[in-house]
Amino acid sequence: MNLNEIKPGETCRMVGLSADGALERRLMDLGFCPGAALKIIRNAPLVDPLEIQLEGVFLAIRHAEAEFVEVARDGL
């Protein structure tokens, strides 16, 4: 499952990245690493960007970038 499939208010854990190159480096620099706790806060009014809470830090990323973040819902 990808991060862009998670609905606002839901929490999940990151399991991996399917991106490579500059996008992979950018996501890793932002703190996306396996095991990180994520919570979807909200979608912007026109859907992009997606506001998330990553280990207590609030970030905004595009849905196109969120497609590369592989996650598992908490409790599964």
PDB file of N, CA and C in Angstrom:
ATOM      1  N   MET A   1       0.848  -1.162   0.000  1.00  0.00           N
ATOM      2  CA  MET A   1       0.000   0.000   0.000  1.00  0.00           C
ATOM      3  C   MET A   1       0.903   1.237   0.000  1.00  0.00           C
ATOM      4  N   ASN A   2       0.450   2.282  -0.656  1.00  0.00           N
ATOM      5  CA  ASN A   2       1.211   3.527  -0.744  1.00  0.00           C
ATOM      6  C   ASN A   2       0.619   4.594   0.159  1.00  0.00           C
ATOM      7  N   LEU A   3       1.439   5.566   0.528  1.00  0.00           N
ATOM      8  CA  LEU A   3       1.011   6.623   1.435  1.00  0.00           C
ATOM      9  C   LEU A   3      -0.170   7.420   0.886  1.00  0.00           C
ATOM     10  N   ASN A   4      -0.239   7.608  -0.424  1.00  0.00           N
ATOM     11  CA  ASN A   4      -1.343   8.399  -0.980  1.00  0.00           C
ATOM     12  C   ASN A   4      -2.689   7.679  -0.898  1.00  0.00           C
ATOM     13  N   GLU A   5      -2.725   6.421  -0.494  1.00  0.00           N
ATOM     14  CA  GLU A   5      -3.967   5.660  -0.337  1.00  0.00           C
ATOM     15  C   GLU A   5      -4.545   5.777   1.068  1.00  0.00           C
ATOM     16  N   ILE A   6      -3.790   6.335   2.011  1.00  0.00           N
ATOM     17  CA  ILE A   6      -4.240   6.476   3.393  1.00  0.00           C
ATOM     18  C   ILE A   6      -5.114   7.721   3.514  1.00  0.00           C
ATOM     19  N   LYS A   7      -6.192   7.605   4.242  1.00  0.00           N
ATOM     20  CA  LYS A   7      -7.168   8.701   4.394  1.00  0.00           C
ATOM     21  C   LYS A   7      -6.788   9.609   5.568  1.00  0.00           C
ATOM     22  N   PRO A   8      -7.221  10.876   5.533  1.00  0.00           N
ATOM     23  CA  PRO A   8      -6.954  11.795   6.644  1.00  0.00           C
ATOM     24  C   PRO A   8      -7.455  11.231   7.976  1.00  0.00           C
ATOM     25  N   GLY A   9      -6.612  11.379   9.005  1.00  0.00           N
ATOM     26  CA  GLY A   9      -6.932  10.872  10.331  1.00  0.00           C
ATOM     27  C   GLY A   9      -6.353   9.499  10.608  1.00  0.00           C
ATOM     28  N   GLU A  10      -5.965   8.764   9.577  1.00  0.00           N
ATOM     29  CA  GLU A  10      -5.411   7.420   9.755  1.00  0.00           C
ATOM     30  C   GLU A  10      -3.906   7.478  10.027  1.00  0.00           C
ATOM     31  N   THR A  11      -3.422   6.461  10.714  1.00  0.00           N
ATOM     32  CA  THR A  11      -1.997   6.346  10.984  1.00  0.00           C
ATOM     33  C   THR A  11      -1.440   5.108  10.304  1.00  0.00           C
ATOM     34  N   CYS A  12      -0.139   5.139  10.062  1.00  0.00           N
ATOM     35  CA  CYS A  12       0.515   4.004   9.418  1.00  0.00           C
ATOM     36  C   CYS A  12       2.006   4.026   9.741  1.00  0.00           C
ATOM     37  N   ARG A  13       2.709   2.997   9.334  1.00  0.00           N
ATOM     38  CA  ARG A  13       4.162   2.898   9.487  1.00  0.00           C
ATOM     39  C   ARG A  13       4.778   2.722   8.115  1.00  0.00           C
ATOM     40  N   MET A  14       5.885   3.402   7.904  1.00  0.00           N
ATOM     41  CA  MET A  14       6.581   3.277   6.621  1.00  0.00           C
ATOM     42  C   MET A  14       7.336   1.951   6.581  1.00  0.00           C
ATOM     43  N   VAL A  15       7.235   1.265   5.440  1.00  0.00           N
ATOM     44  CA  VAL A  15       7.960   0.004   5.272  1.00  0.00           C
ATOM     45  C   VAL A  15       9.047   0.089   4.204  1.00  0.00           C
ATOM     46  N   GLY A  16       8.989   1.073   3.319  1.00  0.00           N
ATOM     47  CA  GLY A  16      10.024   1.205   2.297  1.00  0.00           C
ATOM     48  C   GLY A  16       9.745   2.329   1.320  1.00  0.00           C
ATOM     49  N   LEU A  17      10.741   2.565   0.469  1.00  0.00           N
ATOM     50  CA  LEU A  17      10.634   3.562  -0.598  1.00  0.00           C
ATOM     51  C   LEU A  17      10.835   2.859  -1.932  1.00  0.00           C
ATOM     52  N   SER A  18       9.997   3.185  -2.905  1.00  0.00           N
ATOM     53  CA  SER A  18      10.177   2.619  -4.241  1.00  0.00           C
ATOM     54  C   SER A  18      10.774   3.648  -5.195  1.00  0.00           C
ATOM     55  N   ALA A  19      11.083   4.837  -4.679  1.00  0.00           N
ATOM     56  CA  ALA A  19      11.701   5.890  -5.499  1.00  0.00           C
ATOM     57  C   ALA A  19      13.196   5.648  -5.602  1.00  0.00           C
ATOM     58  N   ASP A  20      13.813   6.297  -6.566  1.00  0.00           N
ATOM     59  CA  ASP A  20      15.270   6.268  -6.647  1.00  0.00           C
ATOM     60  C   ASP A  20      15.762   7.618  -7.132  1.00  0.00           C
ATOM     61  N   GLY A  21      17.041   7.826  -7.053  1.00  0.00           N
ATOM     62  CA  GLY A  21      17.625   9.082  -7.503  1.00  0.00           C
ATOM     63  C   GLY A  21      17.342  10.231  -6.554  1.00  0.00           C
ATOM     64  N   ALA A  22      17.116  11.413  -7.128  1.00  0.00           N
ATOM     65  CA  ALA A  22      16.933  12.637  -6.353  1.00  0.00           C
ATOM     66  C   ALA A  22      15.697  12.579  -5.462  1.00  0.00           C
ATOM     67  N   LEU A  23      14.611  11.974  -5.934  1.00  0.00           N
ATOM     68  CA  LEU A  23      13.396  11.884  -5.122  1.00  0.00           C
ATOM     69  C   LEU A  23      13.634  11.011  -3.898  1.00  0.00           C
ATOM     70  N   GLU A  24      14.313   9.895  -4.064  1.00  0.00           N
ATOM     71  CA  GLU A  24      14.619   9.036  -2.921  1.00  0.00           C
ATOM     72  C   GLU A  24      15.448   9.798  -1.890  1.00  0.00           C
ATOM     73  N   ARG A  25      16.463  10.508  -2.350  1.00  0.00           N
ATOM     74  CA  ARG A  25      17.325  11.278  -1.451  1.00  0.00           C
ATOM     75  C   ARG A  25      16.513  12.350  -0.714  1.00  0.00           C
ATOM     76  N   ARG A  26      15.630  13.043  -1.428  1.00  0.00           N
ATOM     77  CA  ARG A  26      14.805  14.100  -0.823  1.00  0.00           C
ATOM     78  C   ARG A  26      13.903  13.532   0.259  1.00  0.00           C
ATOM     79  N   LEU A  27      13.232  12.420  -0.036  1.00  0.00           N
ATOM     80  CA  LEU A  27      12.337  11.816   0.944  1.00  0.00           C
ATOM     81  C   LEU A  27      13.112  11.335   2.170  1.00  0.00           C
ATOM     82  N   MET A  28      14.268  10.756   1.947  1.00  0.00           N
ATOM     83  CA  MET A  28      15.093  10.312   3.070  1.00  0.00           C
ATOM     84  C   MET A  28      15.579  11.504   3.899  1.00  0.00           C
ATOM     85  N   ASP A  29      15.932  12.595   3.239  1.00  0.00           N
ATOM     86  CA  ASP A  29      16.359  13.803   3.952  1.00  0.00           C
ATOM     87  C   ASP A  29      15.231  14.396   4.791  1.00  0.00           C
ATOM     88  N   LEU A  30      13.987  14.226   4.345  1.00  0.00           N
ATOM     89  CA  LEU A  30      12.837  14.715   5.099  1.00  0.00           C
ATOM     90  C   LEU A  30      12.531  13.834   6.316  1.00  0.00           C
ATOM     91  N   GLY A  31      13.116  12.639   6.376  1.00  0.00           N
ATOM     92  CA  GLY A  31      12.921  11.757   7.520  1.00  0.00           C
ATOM     93  C   GLY A  31      12.161  10.487   7.230  1.00  0.00           C
ATOM     94  N   PHE A  32      11.863  10.220   5.971  1.00  0.00           N
ATOM     95  CA  PHE A  32      11.160   8.986   5.615  1.00  0.00           C
ATOM     96  C   PHE A  32      12.149   7.820   5.693  1.00  0.00           C
ATOM     97  N   CYS A  33      11.966   6.965   6.700  1.00  0.00           N
ATOM     98  CA  CYS A  33      12.810   5.787   6.850  1.00  0.00           C
ATOM     99  C   CYS A  33      11.934   4.645   7.350  1.00  0.00           C
ATOM    100  N   PRO A  34      12.300   3.403   7.053  1.00  0.00           N
ATOM    101  CA  PRO A  34      11.479   2.264   7.476  1.00  0.00           C
ATOM    102  C   PRO A  34      11.210   2.284   8.978  1.00  0.00           C
ATOM    103  N   GLY A  35       9.958   2.050   9.338  1.00  0.00           N
ATOM    104  CA  GLY A  35       9.543   2.039  10.729  1.00  0.00           C
ATOM    105  C   GLY A  35       9.015   3.363  11.236  1.00  0.00           C
ATOM    106  N   ALA A  36       9.159   4.429  10.446  1.00  0.00           N
ATOM    107  CA  ALA A  36       8.701   5.758  10.867  1.00  0.00           C
ATOM    108  C   ALA A  36       7.178   5.789  10.961  1.00  0.00           C
ATOM    109  N   ALA A  37       6.681   6.442  12.018  1.00  0.00           N
ATOM    110  CA  ALA A  37       5.234   6.586  12.216  1.00  0.00           C
ATOM    111  C   ALA A  37       4.727   7.777  11.422  1.00  0.00           C
ATOM    112  N   LEU A  38       3.632   7.572  10.697  1.00  0.00           N
ATOM    113  CA  LEU A  38       3.035   8.613   9.870  1.00  0.00           C
ATOM    114  C   LEU A  38       1.556   8.763  10.207  1.00  0.00           C
ATOM    115  N   LYS A  39       1.080   9.993  10.180  1.00  0.00           N
ATOM    116  CA  LYS A  39      -0.354  10.256  10.336  1.00  0.00           C
ATOM    117  C   LYS A  39      -0.745  11.241   9.255  1.00  0.00           C
ATOM    118  N   ILE A  40      -1.814  10.942   8.549  1.00  0.00           N
ATOM    119  CA  ILE A  40      -2.321  11.848   7.523  1.00  0.00           C
ATOM    120  C   ILE A  40      -3.168  12.902   8.226  1.00  0.00           C
ATOM    121  N   ILE A  41      -2.794  14.166   8.061  1.00  0.00           N
ATOM    122  CA  ILE A  41      -3.526  15.253   8.696  1.00  0.00           C
ATOM    123  C   ILE A  41      -4.668  15.713   7.796  1.00  0.00           C
ATOM    124  N   ARG A  42      -4.356  16.069   6.555  1.00  0.00           N
ATOM    125  CA  ARG A  42      -5.409  16.503   5.624  1.00  0.00           C
ATOM    126  C   ARG A  42      -4.859  16.627   4.212  1.00  0.00           C
ATOM    127  N   ASN A  43      -5.800  16.671   3.276  1.00  0.00           N
ATOM    128  CA  ASN A  43      -5.502  17.003   1.889  1.00  0.00           C
ATOM    129  C   ASN A  43      -5.808  18.479   1.703  1.00  0.00           C
ATOM    130  N   ALA A  44      -5.059  19.145   0.860  1.00  0.00           N
ATOM    131  CA  ALA A  44      -5.360  20.539   0.531  1.00  0.00           C
ATOM    132  C   ALA A  44      -6.696  20.584  -0.211  1.00  0.00           C
ATOM    133  N   PRO A  45      -7.343  21.735  -0.260  1.00  0.00           N
ATOM    134  CA  PRO A  45      -8.646  21.834  -0.920  1.00  0.00           C
ATOM    135  C   PRO A  45      -8.668  21.314  -2.365  1.00  0.00           C
ATOM    136  N   LEU A  46      -7.596  21.462  -3.085  1.00  0.00           N
ATOM    137  CA  LEU A  46      -7.536  20.957  -4.461  1.00  0.00           C
ATOM    138  C   LEU A  46      -6.752  19.648  -4.536  1.00  0.00           C
ATOM    139  N   VAL A  47      -6.754  18.880  -3.443  1.00  0.00           N
ATOM    140  CA  VAL A  47      -6.158  17.561  -3.287  1.00  0.00           C
ATOM    141  C   VAL A  47      -4.648  17.601  -3.039  1.00  0.00           C
ATOM    142  N   ASP A  48      -3.871  18.405  -3.716  1.00  0.00           N
ATOM    143  CA  ASP A  48      -2.422  18.474  -3.483  1.00  0.00           C
ATOM    144  C   ASP A  48      -2.089  19.762  -2.764  1.00  0.00           C
ATOM    145  N   PRO A  49      -1.185  19.794  -1.827  1.00  0.00           N
ATOM    146  CA  PRO A  49      -0.383  18.701  -1.303  1.00  0.00           C
ATOM    147  C   PRO A  49      -1.101  17.952  -0.181  1.00  0.00           C
ATOM    148  N   LEU A  50      -0.439  16.927   0.289  1.00  0.00           N
ATOM    149  CA  LEU A  50      -0.920  16.086   1.370  1.00  0.00           C
ATOM    150  C   LEU A  50      -0.152  16.491   2.623  1.00  0.00           C
ATOM    151  N   GLU A  51      -0.856  16.876   3.691  1.00  0.00           N
ATOM    152  CA  GLU A  51      -0.178  17.232   4.935  1.00  0.00           C
ATOM    153  C   GLU A  51      -0.090  15.996   5.813  1.00  0.00           C
ATOM    154  N   ILE A  52       1.116  15.697   6.271  1.00  0.00           N
ATOM    155  CA  ILE A  52       1.332  14.515   7.107  1.00  0.00           C
ATOM    156  C   ILE A  52       2.107  14.904   8.352  1.00  0.00           C
ATOM    157  N   GLN A  53       2.015  14.040   9.339  1.00  0.00           N
ATOM    158  CA  GLN A  53       2.841  14.173  10.535  1.00  0.00           C
ATOM    159  C   GLN A  53       3.783  12.977  10.529  1.00  0.00           C
ATOM    160  N   LEU A  54       5.065  13.243  10.480  1.00  0.00           N
ATOM    161  CA  LEU A  54       6.091  12.204  10.402  1.00  0.00           C
ATOM    162  C   LEU A  54       6.938  12.290  11.651  1.00  0.00           C
ATOM    163  N   GLU A  55       6.746  11.332  12.564  1.00  0.00           N
ATOM    164  CA  GLU A  55       7.496  11.310  13.821  1.00  0.00           C
ATOM    165  C   GLU A  55       7.435  12.656  14.539  1.00  0.00           C
ATOM    166  N   GLY A  56       6.248  13.279  14.567  1.00  0.00           N
ATOM    167  CA  GLY A  56       6.042  14.524  15.287  1.00  0.00           C
ATOM    168  C   GLY A  56       6.302  15.794  14.494  1.00  0.00           C
ATOM    169  N   VAL A  57       6.785  15.665  13.272  1.00  0.00           N
ATOM    170  CA  VAL A  57       7.081  16.817  12.415  1.00  0.00           C
ATOM    171  C   VAL A  57       6.021  16.900  11.324  1.00  0.00           C
ATOM    172  N   PHE A  58       5.485  18.091  11.083  1.00  0.00           N
ATOM    173  CA  PHE A  58       4.470  18.282  10.052  1.00  0.00           C
ATOM    174  C   PHE A  58       5.139  18.611   8.721  1.00  0.00           C
ATOM    175  N   LEU A  59       4.748  17.881   7.673  1.00  0.00           N
ATOM    176  CA  LEU A  59       5.302  18.052   6.331  1.00  0.00           C
ATOM    177  C   LEU A  59       4.173  18.095   5.314  1.00  0.00           C
ATOM    178  N   ALA A  60       4.464  18.659   4.161  1.00  0.00           N
ATOM    179  CA  ALA A  60       3.524  18.634   3.037  1.00  0.00           C
ATOM    180  C   ALA A  60       4.276  18.075   1.839  1.00  0.00           C
ATOM    181  N   ILE A  61       3.703  17.036   1.227  1.00  0.00           N
ATOM    182  CA  ILE A  61       4.287  16.456   0.014  1.00  0.00           C
ATOM    183  C   ILE A  61       3.185  16.257  -1.018  1.00  0.00           C
ATOM    184  N   ARG A  62       3.575  16.153  -2.254  1.00  0.00           N
ATOM    185  CA  ARG A  62       2.615  15.923  -3.338  1.00  0.00           C
ATOM    186  C   ARG A  62       2.158  14.461  -3.337  1.00  0.00           C
ATOM    187  N   HIS A  63       0.969  14.232  -3.858  1.00  0.00           N
ATOM    188  CA  HIS A  63       0.484  12.852  -3.997  1.00  0.00           C
ATOM    189  C   HIS A  63       1.402  12.051  -4.915  1.00  0.00           C
ATOM    190  N   ALA A  64       1.964  12.701  -5.933  1.00  0.00           N
ATOM    191  CA  ALA A  64       2.883  12.015  -6.847  1.00  0.00           C
ATOM    192  C   ALA A  64       4.119  11.514  -6.102  1.00  0.00           C
ATOM    193  N   GLU A  65       4.551  12.229  -5.070  1.00  0.00           N
ATOM    194  CA  GLU A  65       5.690  11.781  -4.257  1.00  0.00           C
ATOM    195  C   GLU A  65       5.249  10.723  -3.257  1.00  0.00           C
ATOM    196  N   ALA A  66       4.045  10.866  -2.715  1.00  0.00           N
ATOM    197  CA  ALA A  66       3.530   9.915  -1.735  1.00  0.00           C
ATOM    198  C   ALA A  66       3.332   8.526  -2.334  1.00  0.00           C
ATOM    199  N   GLU A  67       3.174   8.439  -3.644  1.00  0.00           N
ATOM    200  CA  GLU A  67       3.029   7.134  -4.302  1.00  0.00           C
ATOM    201  C   GLU A  67       4.246   6.252  -4.101  1.00  0.00           C
ATOM    202  N   PHE A  68       5.405   6.846  -3.866  1.00  0.00           N
ATOM    203  CA  PHE A  68       6.651   6.091  -3.734  1.00  0.00           C
ATOM    204  C   PHE A  68       6.943   5.657  -2.300  1.00  0.00           C
ATOM    205  N   VAL A  69       6.096   6.072  -1.339  1.00  0.00           N
ATOM    206  CA  VAL A  69       6.287   5.718   0.059  1.00  0.00           C
ATOM    207  C   VAL A  69       5.388   4.524   0.368  1.00  0.00           C
ATOM    208  N   GLU A  70       5.999   3.379   0.638  1.00  0.00           N
ATOM    209  CA  GLU A  70       5.261   2.150   0.930  1.00  0.00           C
ATOM    210  C   GLU A  70       4.991   2.096   2.440  1.00  0.00           C
ATOM    211  N   VAL A  71       3.732   1.865   2.795  1.00  0.00           N
ATOM    212  CA  VAL A  71       3.330   1.880   4.202  1.00  0.00           C
ATOM    213  C   VAL A  71       2.469   0.686   4.541  1.00  0.00           C
ATOM    214  N   ALA A  72       2.302   0.451   5.842  1.00  0.00           N
ATOM    215  CA  ALA A  72       1.364  -0.546   6.360  1.00  0.00           C
ATOM    216  C   ALA A  72       0.529   0.140   7.419  1.00  0.00           C
ATOM    217  N   ARG A  73      -0.776  -0.066   7.377  1.00  0.00           N
ATOM    218  CA  ARG A  73      -1.666   0.542   8.388  1.00  0.00           C
ATOM    219  C   ARG A  73      -1.312   0.001   9.761  1.00  0.00           C
ATOM    220  N   ASP A  74      -1.415   0.853  10.777  1.00  0.00           N
ATOM    221  CA  ASP A  74      -1.197   0.411  12.157  1.00  0.00           C
ATOM    222  C   ASP A  74      -2.279  -0.576  12.551  1.00  0.00           C
ATOM    223  N   GLY A  75      -1.877  -1.570  13.320  1.00  0.00           N
ATOM    224  CA  GLY A  75      -2.831  -2.565  13.805  1.00  0.00           C
ATOM    225  C   GLY A  75      -3.024  -3.740  12.868  1.00  0.00           C
ATOM    226  N   LEU A  76      -2.338  -3.752  11.720  1.00  0.00           N
ATOM    227  CA  LEU A  76      -2.494  -4.881  10.786  1.00  0.00           C
ATOM    228  C   LEU A  76      -1.313  -5.814  10.883  1.00  0.00           C
TER     229      LEU A  76
END
